[in-house]
C-alpha cells in the first residue's frame, strides 16, 4: 500500500460526510424527530421547536425536501394551510434517531427537565 492509498483510507467516510452536511445543521434533527410522530402544519411545527424562527424553519424544510426526506402538502382551504410529512426515506431515519436518543440518555447530561414519562 502506498502512502497515498493509506491517506485515502484514513479520510472520513463519504456517507457520513453527506449525513452531517444535512444533520449537522442546527434544527434539522429536531424537525425530523417531530415529523416522525406525525404530519404537522407549519405553525404546529414551529411551536414544537422552541427558539426556531419562521425563516429558519422554512429554510430547513426546503433543505429536507430537497434531500427527499420531507414532502410539503398544501391543504385545501379556506384557510390555506401547509403541512409537512416525512417521505419513506425520512421515516427510515427513525431507528437511527431513536438510537441517538438512547445514547444521549446514557452519555449526555440531562438538560431537558421533562419527566421521563413525557419523553418519546
N, C-alpha and C. Protein backbone atom coordinates (compact mmCIF):
# COMPACT_ATOMS: atom_id res chain seq x y z
N UNK A 1 0.86 -1.17 0.00
CA UNK A 1 0.00 0.00 0.00
C UNK A 1 0.91 1.24 0.00
N UNK A 2 0.63 2.15 -0.91
CA UNK A 2 1.42 3.38 -0.97
C UNK A 2 0.89 4.37 0.06
N UNK A 3 1.69 5.40 0.33
CA UNK A 3 1.29 6.43 1.28
C UNK A 3 0.00 7.11 0.84
N UNK A 4 -0.17 7.32 -0.47
CA UNK A 4 -1.39 7.95 -0.98
C UNK A 4 -2.61 7.09 -0.71
N UNK A 5 -2.48 5.76 -0.89
CA UNK A 5 -3.58 4.85 -0.60
C UNK A 5 -3.93 4.88 0.89
N UNK A 6 -2.90 4.93 1.72
CA UNK A 6 -3.12 4.95 3.16
C UNK A 6 -3.87 6.22 3.56
N UNK A 7 -3.50 7.35 2.99
CA UNK A 7 -4.18 8.62 3.30
C UNK A 7 -5.64 8.58 2.85
N UNK A 8 -5.89 7.98 1.69
CA UNK A 8 -7.27 7.89 1.19
C UNK A 8 -8.12 7.05 2.14
N UNK A 9 -7.55 6.01 2.70
CA UNK A 9 -8.29 5.14 3.61
C UNK A 9 -8.59 5.82 4.94
N UNK A 10 -7.81 6.81 5.31
CA UNK A 10 -8.00 7.49 6.59
C UNK A 10 -8.98 8.65 6.50
N UNK A 11 -9.46 8.97 5.30
CA UNK A 11 -10.40 10.07 5.15
C UNK A 11 -11.76 9.68 5.73
N UNK A 12 -12.53 10.70 6.06
CA UNK A 12 -13.86 10.48 6.59
C UNK A 12 -14.72 9.84 5.50
N UNK A 13 -15.54 8.90 5.91
CA UNK A 13 -16.44 8.20 5.01
C UNK A 13 -17.35 9.19 4.28
N UNK A 14 -17.53 9.01 2.99
CA UNK A 14 -18.34 9.92 2.18
C UNK A 14 -19.80 9.93 2.63
N UNK A 15 -20.32 8.78 3.02
CA UNK A 15 -21.70 8.73 3.50
C UNK A 15 -21.89 9.54 4.77
N UNK A 16 -20.95 9.41 5.69
CA UNK A 16 -21.03 10.19 6.93
C UNK A 16 -20.91 11.68 6.64
N UNK A 17 -20.09 12.02 5.67
CA UNK A 17 -19.95 13.42 5.29
C UNK A 17 -21.29 13.97 4.81
N UNK A 18 -22.00 13.21 3.97
CA UNK A 18 -23.30 13.66 3.46
C UNK A 18 -24.33 13.76 4.60
N UNK A 19 -24.32 12.80 5.51
CA UNK A 19 -25.26 12.82 6.63
C UNK A 19 -25.05 14.09 7.46
N UNK A 20 -23.79 14.38 7.81
CA UNK A 20 -23.56 15.52 8.69
C UNK A 20 -23.61 16.85 7.97
N UNK A 21 -23.51 16.86 6.64
CA UNK A 21 -23.76 18.10 5.91
C UNK A 21 -25.22 18.52 6.10
N UNK A 22 -26.11 17.54 6.21
CA UNK A 22 -27.52 17.85 6.41
C UNK A 22 -27.87 17.92 7.90
N UNK A 23 -27.52 16.87 8.67
CA UNK A 23 -27.92 16.81 10.07
C UNK A 23 -27.00 17.57 11.00
N UNK A 24 -25.90 18.08 10.51
CA UNK A 24 -25.03 18.89 11.32
C UNK A 24 -25.54 20.32 11.45
N UNK A 25 -26.56 20.65 10.69
CA UNK A 25 -27.14 21.99 10.76
C UNK A 25 -28.15 22.05 11.91
N UNK A 26 -28.09 23.15 12.63
CA UNK A 26 -28.99 23.32 13.77
C UNK A 26 -30.44 23.18 13.33
N UNK A 27 -31.22 22.52 14.12
CA UNK A 27 -32.66 22.33 13.99
C UNK A 27 -33.07 21.14 13.12
N UNK A 28 -32.23 20.69 12.21
CA UNK A 28 -32.64 19.65 11.27
C UNK A 28 -33.11 18.38 11.98
N UNK A 29 -32.33 17.88 12.91
CA UNK A 29 -32.71 16.67 13.62
C UNK A 29 -33.98 16.83 14.41
N UNK A 30 -34.18 18.00 15.00
CA UNK A 30 -35.40 18.25 15.78
C UNK A 30 -36.63 18.28 14.88
N UNK A 31 -36.49 18.86 13.72
CA UNK A 31 -37.62 18.89 12.77
C UNK A 31 -38.00 17.47 12.38
N UNK A 32 -37.01 16.67 12.03
CA UNK A 32 -37.28 15.28 11.65
C UNK A 32 -37.90 14.51 12.81
N UNK A 33 -37.41 14.73 14.01
CA UNK A 33 -37.96 13.99 15.16
C UNK A 33 -39.42 14.34 15.40
N UNK A 34 -39.81 15.60 15.19
CA UNK A 34 -41.23 15.97 15.32
C UNK A 34 -42.04 15.30 14.22
N UNK A 35 -41.52 15.32 13.00
CA UNK A 35 -42.25 14.73 11.88
C UNK A 35 -42.32 13.21 11.95
N UNK A 36 -41.44 12.59 12.72
CA UNK A 36 -41.54 11.14 12.91
C UNK A 36 -42.82 10.78 13.67
N UNK A 37 -43.32 11.71 14.47
CA UNK A 37 -44.53 11.46 15.25
C UNK A 37 -45.78 11.50 14.37
N UNK A 38 -45.82 12.49 13.43
CA UNK A 38 -46.98 12.64 12.53
C UNK A 38 -46.72 13.81 11.59
N UNK A 39 -47.55 13.90 10.56
CA UNK A 39 -47.52 15.07 9.68
C UNK A 39 -48.03 16.27 10.48
N UNK A 40 -47.44 17.44 10.26
CA UNK A 40 -47.87 18.62 11.01
C UNK A 40 -47.92 19.84 10.10
N UNK A 41 -48.73 20.81 10.54
CA UNK A 41 -48.78 22.09 9.85
C UNK A 41 -47.58 22.93 10.28
N UNK A 42 -47.25 23.89 9.46
CA UNK A 42 -46.07 24.73 9.70
C UNK A 42 -46.12 25.35 11.10
N UNK A 43 -47.25 25.94 11.47
CA UNK A 43 -47.36 26.61 12.78
C UNK A 43 -47.17 25.62 13.93
N UNK A 44 -47.71 24.41 13.80
CA UNK A 44 -47.54 23.39 14.83
C UNK A 44 -46.07 23.02 14.97
N UNK A 45 -45.42 22.89 13.83
CA UNK A 45 -44.00 22.52 13.84
C UNK A 45 -43.17 23.61 14.51
N UNK A 46 -43.49 24.84 14.23
CA UNK A 46 -42.76 25.95 14.84
C UNK A 46 -42.97 25.97 16.36
N UNK A 47 -44.20 25.72 16.80
CA UNK A 47 -44.47 25.69 18.25
C UNK A 47 -43.78 24.51 18.93
N UNK A 48 -43.60 23.42 18.20
CA UNK A 48 -42.99 22.22 18.79
C UNK A 48 -41.49 22.37 18.99
N UNK A 49 -40.88 23.38 18.34
CA UNK A 49 -39.43 23.57 18.42
C UNK A 49 -39.16 24.98 18.93
N UNK A 50 -39.11 25.16 20.25
CA UNK A 50 -38.89 26.49 20.81
C UNK A 50 -37.58 27.10 20.32
N UNK A 51 -37.65 28.37 19.95
CA UNK A 51 -36.45 29.09 19.55
C UNK A 51 -36.20 29.15 18.06
N UNK A 52 -36.87 28.34 17.27
CA UNK A 52 -36.64 28.37 15.83
C UNK A 52 -37.48 29.49 15.21
N UNK A 53 -36.88 30.25 14.30
CA UNK A 53 -37.61 31.32 13.62
C UNK A 53 -38.37 30.74 12.43
N UNK A 54 -39.37 31.48 11.96
CA UNK A 54 -40.11 31.04 10.78
C UNK A 54 -39.18 30.88 9.59
N UNK A 55 -38.29 31.82 9.42
CA UNK A 55 -37.36 31.78 8.29
C UNK A 55 -36.46 30.55 8.35
N UNK A 56 -35.92 30.26 9.52
CA UNK A 56 -35.03 29.11 9.68
C UNK A 56 -35.80 27.81 9.45
N UNK A 57 -37.01 27.72 10.00
CA UNK A 57 -37.83 26.54 9.80
C UNK A 57 -38.12 26.33 8.31
N UNK A 58 -38.47 27.40 7.64
CA UNK A 58 -38.74 27.32 6.21
C UNK A 58 -37.50 26.86 5.44
N UNK A 59 -36.35 27.43 5.78
CA UNK A 59 -35.09 27.04 5.12
C UNK A 59 -34.77 25.57 5.34
N UNK A 60 -34.90 25.11 6.58
CA UNK A 60 -34.58 23.71 6.89
C UNK A 60 -35.56 22.76 6.20
N UNK A 61 -36.84 23.12 6.17
CA UNK A 61 -37.82 22.28 5.49
C UNK A 61 -37.53 22.20 4.00
N UNK A 62 -37.10 23.30 3.41
CA UNK A 62 -36.73 23.30 2.00
C UNK A 62 -35.54 22.38 1.76
N UNK A 63 -34.55 22.42 2.64
CA UNK A 63 -33.38 21.55 2.52
C UNK A 63 -33.77 20.09 2.67
N UNK A 64 -34.62 19.79 3.64
CA UNK A 64 -35.07 18.42 3.86
C UNK A 64 -35.89 17.91 2.67
N UNK A 65 -36.70 18.78 2.09
CA UNK A 65 -37.46 18.40 0.90
C UNK A 65 -36.52 18.15 -0.27
N UNK A 66 -35.50 19.00 -0.40
CA UNK A 66 -34.52 18.83 -1.48
C UNK A 66 -33.73 17.53 -1.34
N UNK A 67 -33.57 17.08 -0.11
CA UNK A 67 -32.86 15.82 0.15
C UNK A 67 -33.79 14.61 0.02
N UNK A 68 -35.07 14.87 -0.25
CA UNK A 68 -36.02 13.78 -0.42
C UNK A 68 -36.54 13.18 0.88
N UNK A 69 -36.43 13.92 1.97
CA UNK A 69 -36.86 13.41 3.28
C UNK A 69 -38.22 13.93 3.72
N UNK A 70 -38.64 15.06 3.17
CA UNK A 70 -39.88 15.71 3.59
C UNK A 70 -40.70 16.08 2.36
N UNK A 71 -42.02 15.96 2.49
CA UNK A 71 -42.95 16.38 1.44
C UNK A 71 -43.80 17.52 1.99
N UNK A 72 -43.95 18.55 1.19
CA UNK A 72 -44.79 19.70 1.53
C UNK A 72 -46.13 19.50 0.84
N UNK A 73 -47.22 19.61 1.61
CA UNK A 73 -48.56 19.44 1.05
C UNK A 73 -49.42 20.64 1.40
N UNK A 74 -50.10 21.18 0.39
CA UNK A 74 -50.99 22.31 0.61
C UNK A 74 -52.39 21.77 0.84
N UNK A 75 -52.95 22.07 2.01
CA UNK A 75 -54.28 21.61 2.36
C UNK A 75 -55.31 22.56 1.75
N UNK A 76 -56.39 21.99 1.22
CA UNK A 76 -57.44 22.82 0.63
C UNK A 76 -58.05 23.69 1.71
N UNK A 77 -58.19 24.95 1.42
CA UNK A 77 -58.72 25.90 2.40
C UNK A 77 -60.21 26.07 2.21
N UNK A 78 -60.77 27.13 2.65
CA UNK A 78 -60.06 28.10 3.47
C UNK A 78 -59.96 27.66 4.92
N UNK A 79 -59.05 28.12 5.66
CA UNK A 79 -57.88 28.87 5.20
C UNK A 79 -56.86 27.92 4.58
N UNK A 80 -56.03 28.47 3.76
CA UNK A 80 -54.96 27.71 3.13
C UNK A 80 -53.93 27.33 4.18
N UNK A 81 -53.63 26.04 4.29
CA UNK A 81 -52.65 25.59 5.28
C UNK A 81 -51.68 24.65 4.61
N UNK A 82 -50.43 24.72 5.05
CA UNK A 82 -49.39 23.86 4.51
C UNK A 82 -48.97 22.87 5.59
N UNK A 83 -48.91 21.60 5.22
CA UNK A 83 -48.46 20.59 6.17
C UNK A 83 -47.22 19.90 5.60
N UNK A 84 -46.50 19.25 6.49
CA UNK A 84 -45.27 18.56 6.12
C UNK A 84 -45.31 17.16 6.69
N UNK A 85 -44.79 16.22 5.92
CA UNK A 85 -44.69 14.84 6.38
C UNK A 85 -43.40 14.26 5.84
N UNK A 86 -42.94 13.21 6.49
CA UNK A 86 -41.73 12.53 6.05
C UNK A 86 -42.04 11.60 4.88
N UNK A 87 -41.10 11.49 3.99
CA UNK A 87 -41.17 10.50 2.92
C UNK A 87 -40.76 9.15 3.50
N UNK A 88 -40.78 8.14 2.68
CA UNK A 88 -40.31 6.82 3.13
C UNK A 88 -38.85 6.91 3.57
N UNK A 89 -38.05 7.66 2.82
CA UNK A 89 -36.63 7.83 3.18
C UNK A 89 -36.51 8.55 4.52
N UNK A 90 -37.36 9.54 4.76
CA UNK A 90 -37.34 10.26 6.04
C UNK A 90 -37.74 9.36 7.19
N UNK A 91 -38.78 8.55 6.98
CA UNK A 91 -39.22 7.63 8.04
C UNK A 91 -38.17 6.57 8.33
N UNK A 92 -37.35 6.25 7.35
CA UNK A 92 -36.30 5.24 7.54
C UNK A 92 -35.23 5.72 8.53
N UNK A 93 -35.23 6.99 8.87
CA UNK A 93 -34.28 7.53 9.85
C UNK A 93 -34.66 7.19 11.29
N UNK A 94 -35.88 6.75 11.50
CA UNK A 94 -36.37 6.53 12.86
C UNK A 94 -35.47 5.64 13.72
N UNK A 95 -35.04 4.47 13.26
CA UNK A 95 -34.19 3.64 14.13
C UNK A 95 -32.89 4.34 14.52
N UNK A 96 -32.27 5.04 13.58
CA UNK A 96 -31.02 5.73 13.88
C UNK A 96 -31.23 6.86 14.87
N UNK A 97 -32.30 7.63 14.70
CA UNK A 97 -32.57 8.75 15.61
C UNK A 97 -32.96 8.26 17.00
N UNK A 98 -33.72 7.16 17.07
CA UNK A 98 -34.06 6.60 18.38
C UNK A 98 -32.79 6.11 19.09
N UNK A 99 -31.90 5.51 18.34
CA UNK A 99 -30.65 5.04 18.94
C UNK A 99 -29.82 6.22 19.44
N UNK A 100 -29.78 7.31 18.69
CA UNK A 100 -29.07 8.51 19.15
C UNK A 100 -29.71 9.06 20.42
N UNK A 101 -31.03 9.01 20.49
CA UNK A 101 -31.72 9.46 21.71
C UNK A 101 -31.36 8.60 22.91
N UNK A 102 -31.29 7.29 22.70
CA UNK A 102 -30.89 6.39 23.80
C UNK A 102 -29.45 6.68 24.22
N UNK A 103 -28.59 6.90 23.25
CA UNK A 103 -27.19 7.22 23.54
C UNK A 103 -27.12 8.50 24.38
N UNK A 104 -27.89 9.52 23.99
CA UNK A 104 -27.89 10.78 24.73
C UNK A 104 -28.35 10.59 26.16
N UNK A 105 -29.37 9.76 26.36
CA UNK A 105 -29.85 9.49 27.71
C UNK A 105 -28.75 8.89 28.59
N UNK A 106 -27.93 8.05 28.01
CA UNK A 106 -26.87 7.39 28.77
C UNK A 106 -25.61 8.23 28.95
N UNK A 107 -25.29 9.06 27.95
CA UNK A 107 -23.96 9.68 27.93
C UNK A 107 -23.93 11.20 27.98
N UNK A 108 -25.05 11.86 27.83
CA UNK A 108 -25.07 13.32 27.89
C UNK A 108 -25.84 13.76 29.12
N UNK A 109 -25.39 14.83 29.76
CA UNK A 109 -26.11 15.31 30.94
C UNK A 109 -27.54 15.71 30.57
N UNK A 110 -28.46 15.46 31.48
CA UNK A 110 -29.86 15.80 31.25
C UNK A 110 -30.03 17.31 31.33
N UNK A 111 -30.50 17.88 30.25
CA UNK A 111 -30.71 19.32 30.25
C UNK A 111 -32.15 19.68 29.95
N UNK A 112 -33.00 18.67 29.68
CA UNK A 112 -34.35 18.96 29.25
C UNK A 112 -35.31 19.30 30.35
N UNK A 113 -35.21 18.63 31.47
CA UNK A 113 -36.12 18.89 32.56
C UNK A 113 -37.51 18.26 32.39
N UNK A 114 -37.78 17.57 31.28
CA UNK A 114 -39.06 16.90 31.10
C UNK A 114 -39.04 15.58 31.83
N UNK A 115 -40.09 15.27 32.57
CA UNK A 115 -40.14 13.95 33.22
C UNK A 115 -40.03 12.85 32.18
N UNK A 116 -39.41 11.76 32.56
CA UNK A 116 -39.15 10.67 31.62
C UNK A 116 -40.42 10.15 30.97
N UNK A 117 -41.53 10.17 31.70
CA UNK A 117 -42.79 9.63 31.13
C UNK A 117 -43.28 10.46 29.93
N UNK A 118 -42.80 11.69 29.76
CA UNK A 118 -43.21 12.52 28.64
C UNK A 118 -42.23 12.44 27.47
N UNK A 119 -41.11 11.79 27.67
CA UNK A 119 -40.12 11.69 26.59
C UNK A 119 -40.46 10.52 25.72
N UNK A 120 -40.31 10.71 24.36
CA UNK A 120 -40.67 9.68 23.40
C UNK A 120 -39.61 8.72 23.25
